[in-house]
Protein backbone atom coordinates (compact mmCIF):
# COMPACT_ATOMS: atom_id res chain seq x y z
CA MET A 1 -72.86 -58.53 20.58
CA ASN A 2 -69.14 -59.25 20.70
CA VAL A 3 -67.71 -61.86 23.06
CA GLN A 4 -64.11 -62.20 24.19
CA THR A 5 -63.50 -65.35 26.16
CA LEU A 6 -60.99 -65.29 28.97
CA THR A 7 -59.34 -68.59 28.21
CA GLY A 8 -55.61 -68.82 28.09
CA ALA A 9 -52.69 -68.49 30.46
CA TRP A 10 -54.18 -68.09 33.92
CA HIS A 11 -51.87 -68.08 36.95
CA PHE A 12 -52.43 -68.56 40.67
CA ARG A 13 -50.59 -68.19 43.94
CA GLN A 14 -51.07 -68.42 47.66
CA VAL A 15 -51.89 -64.92 48.92
CA GLY A 16 -48.79 -63.32 50.41
CA THR A 17 -46.32 -65.22 48.24
CA GLU A 18 -44.46 -63.94 45.19
CA GLU A 19 -44.47 -66.92 42.82
CA TRP A 20 -47.26 -67.14 40.24
CA LEU A 21 -47.89 -70.71 39.05
CA ALA A 22 -49.59 -71.94 35.87
CA ALA A 23 -53.29 -72.64 36.38
CA THR A 24 -56.05 -74.39 34.48
CA VAL A 25 -59.32 -72.46 34.33
CA PRO A 26 -61.90 -73.76 34.82
CA GLY A 27 -60.37 -75.74 37.64
CA GLY A 28 -59.35 -75.33 41.22
CA VAL A 29 -56.44 -74.94 43.60
CA HIS A 30 -56.18 -78.62 44.52
CA THR A 31 -56.12 -79.80 40.90
CA ASP A 32 -53.65 -77.07 39.92
CA LEU A 33 -51.29 -77.93 42.78
CA LEU A 34 -51.60 -81.63 41.99
CA ALA A 35 -50.82 -81.06 38.29
CA LEU A 36 -47.70 -79.13 39.26
CA GLY A 37 -46.54 -81.84 41.66
CA ARG A 38 -46.85 -79.49 44.65
CA ILE A 39 -49.17 -81.78 46.63
CA PRO A 40 -49.71 -85.56 46.73
CA ASP A 41 -52.92 -87.00 45.30
CA PRO A 42 -55.46 -86.47 48.11
CA PHE A 43 -57.41 -89.55 46.98
CA VAL A 44 -54.50 -91.93 47.61
CA GLY A 45 -53.91 -93.46 51.03
CA ASP A 46 -54.01 -90.91 53.83
CA ASN A 47 -52.74 -88.05 51.66
CA GLU A 48 -55.88 -86.05 52.35
CA LYS A 49 -54.59 -85.13 55.79
CA HIS A 50 -51.36 -83.84 54.22
CA VAL A 51 -53.20 -81.35 51.99
CA GLN A 52 -55.58 -79.83 54.56
CA TRP A 53 -53.48 -76.65 54.50
CA VAL A 54 -54.66 -75.96 50.93
CA ALA A 55 -58.26 -75.35 52.02
CA GLU A 56 -57.12 -73.25 54.97
CA ALA A 57 -54.97 -70.91 52.85
CA ASP A 58 -56.12 -67.95 50.74
CA TRP A 59 -55.46 -68.13 47.00
CA GLU A 60 -55.73 -65.75 44.08
CA TYR A 61 -55.99 -66.30 40.34
CA ARG A 62 -54.77 -63.80 37.75
CA TYR A 63 -55.44 -63.44 34.05
CA GLN A 64 -53.60 -60.85 31.98
CA PHE A 65 -55.06 -60.11 28.57
CA ALA A 66 -55.34 -57.57 25.80
CA ALA A 67 -58.88 -56.39 25.15
CA GLU A 68 -59.90 -56.95 21.55
CA ALA A 69 -60.49 -53.77 19.53
CA ASP A 70 -64.14 -54.60 18.79
CA VAL A 71 -64.80 -55.11 22.51
CA LEU A 72 -63.28 -51.72 23.38
CA GLN A 73 -65.61 -50.05 20.86
CA GLN A 74 -68.82 -51.40 22.39
CA LEU A 75 -71.26 -49.05 24.12
CA ARG A 76 -71.53 -51.51 27.00
CA VAL A 77 -68.98 -54.09 28.15
CA TRP A 78 -69.84 -56.77 30.68
CA LEU A 79 -67.64 -59.21 32.55
CA VAL A 80 -69.67 -62.40 32.93
CA CYS A 81 -68.45 -65.20 35.22
CA ASP A 82 -69.87 -68.65 35.83
CA GLY A 83 -68.80 -71.07 38.56
CA LEU A 84 -66.57 -68.75 40.57
CA ASP A 85 -65.56 -70.02 43.98
CA THR A 86 -68.30 -69.58 46.54
CA LEU A 87 -66.48 -66.71 48.27
CA ALA A 88 -64.34 -64.58 45.99
CA ALA A 89 -63.49 -60.95 45.30
CA VAL A 90 -63.10 -59.84 41.69
CA THR A 91 -60.85 -56.96 40.61
CA LEU A 92 -60.18 -55.58 37.12
CA ASN A 93 -57.12 -53.38 36.62
CA GLY A 94 -56.94 -52.69 40.34
CA ARG A 95 -60.60 -51.70 40.61
CA PHE A 96 -62.85 -53.80 42.84
CA LEU A 97 -65.87 -55.10 40.90
CA GLY A 98 -67.65 -57.17 43.50
CA GLN A 99 -67.79 -60.29 45.62
CA THR A 100 -69.32 -63.68 45.03
CA ASN A 101 -71.13 -65.85 47.54
CA ASN A 102 -72.60 -68.68 45.46
CA MET A 103 -70.71 -70.71 42.85
CA PHE A 104 -73.94 -71.98 41.30
CA ARG A 105 -74.97 -68.68 39.75
CA GLN A 106 -73.73 -66.30 37.11
CA TYR A 107 -72.17 -62.96 38.01
CA ARG A 108 -72.16 -59.92 35.73
CA TRP A 109 -70.31 -56.65 36.21
CA ASP A 110 -70.51 -53.60 33.98
CA VAL A 111 -66.88 -52.85 33.05
CA THR A 112 -67.62 -50.23 30.42
CA GLY A 113 -64.69 -47.82 30.29
CA GLN A 114 -62.54 -49.97 32.59
CA LEU A 115 -60.72 -51.97 29.94
CA GLN A 116 -57.45 -50.52 28.71
CA ILE A 117 -55.77 -50.61 25.34
CA GLY A 118 -52.93 -53.04 25.90
CA GLU A 119 -52.64 -55.21 29.00
CA ASN A 120 -55.51 -55.72 31.43
CA GLU A 121 -55.44 -57.72 34.65
CA LEU A 122 -58.32 -59.69 36.12
CA LEU A 123 -57.77 -60.88 39.69
CA VAL A 124 -60.00 -63.36 41.53
CA ASN A 125 -59.23 -64.08 45.18
């Protein structure tokens, strides 16, 4: 079995906006926005009320990667995700893979034949 981890340069944005921002995965929207100085620390003073909009907005995370040659040669290729947001939709190269509804379980999608030589894009929103 060959494993290619999807660690590296993840990006995120508020749905409907153009700007992709650097993200830390694993992580979350609040911590990413805080690290970038886009929101005040919600645990200080009454800042929590100033960041309520974050939970009310829709967000998406993107990872662009090249599939390793040994992965492309496998008879079966699985995308395995742990700890995804409770409600999320997962897309690979523009193809909908599925939705999540519980962050405390593992999700697996058969992506055999869906990876491309060169750049691939995984989108979680």
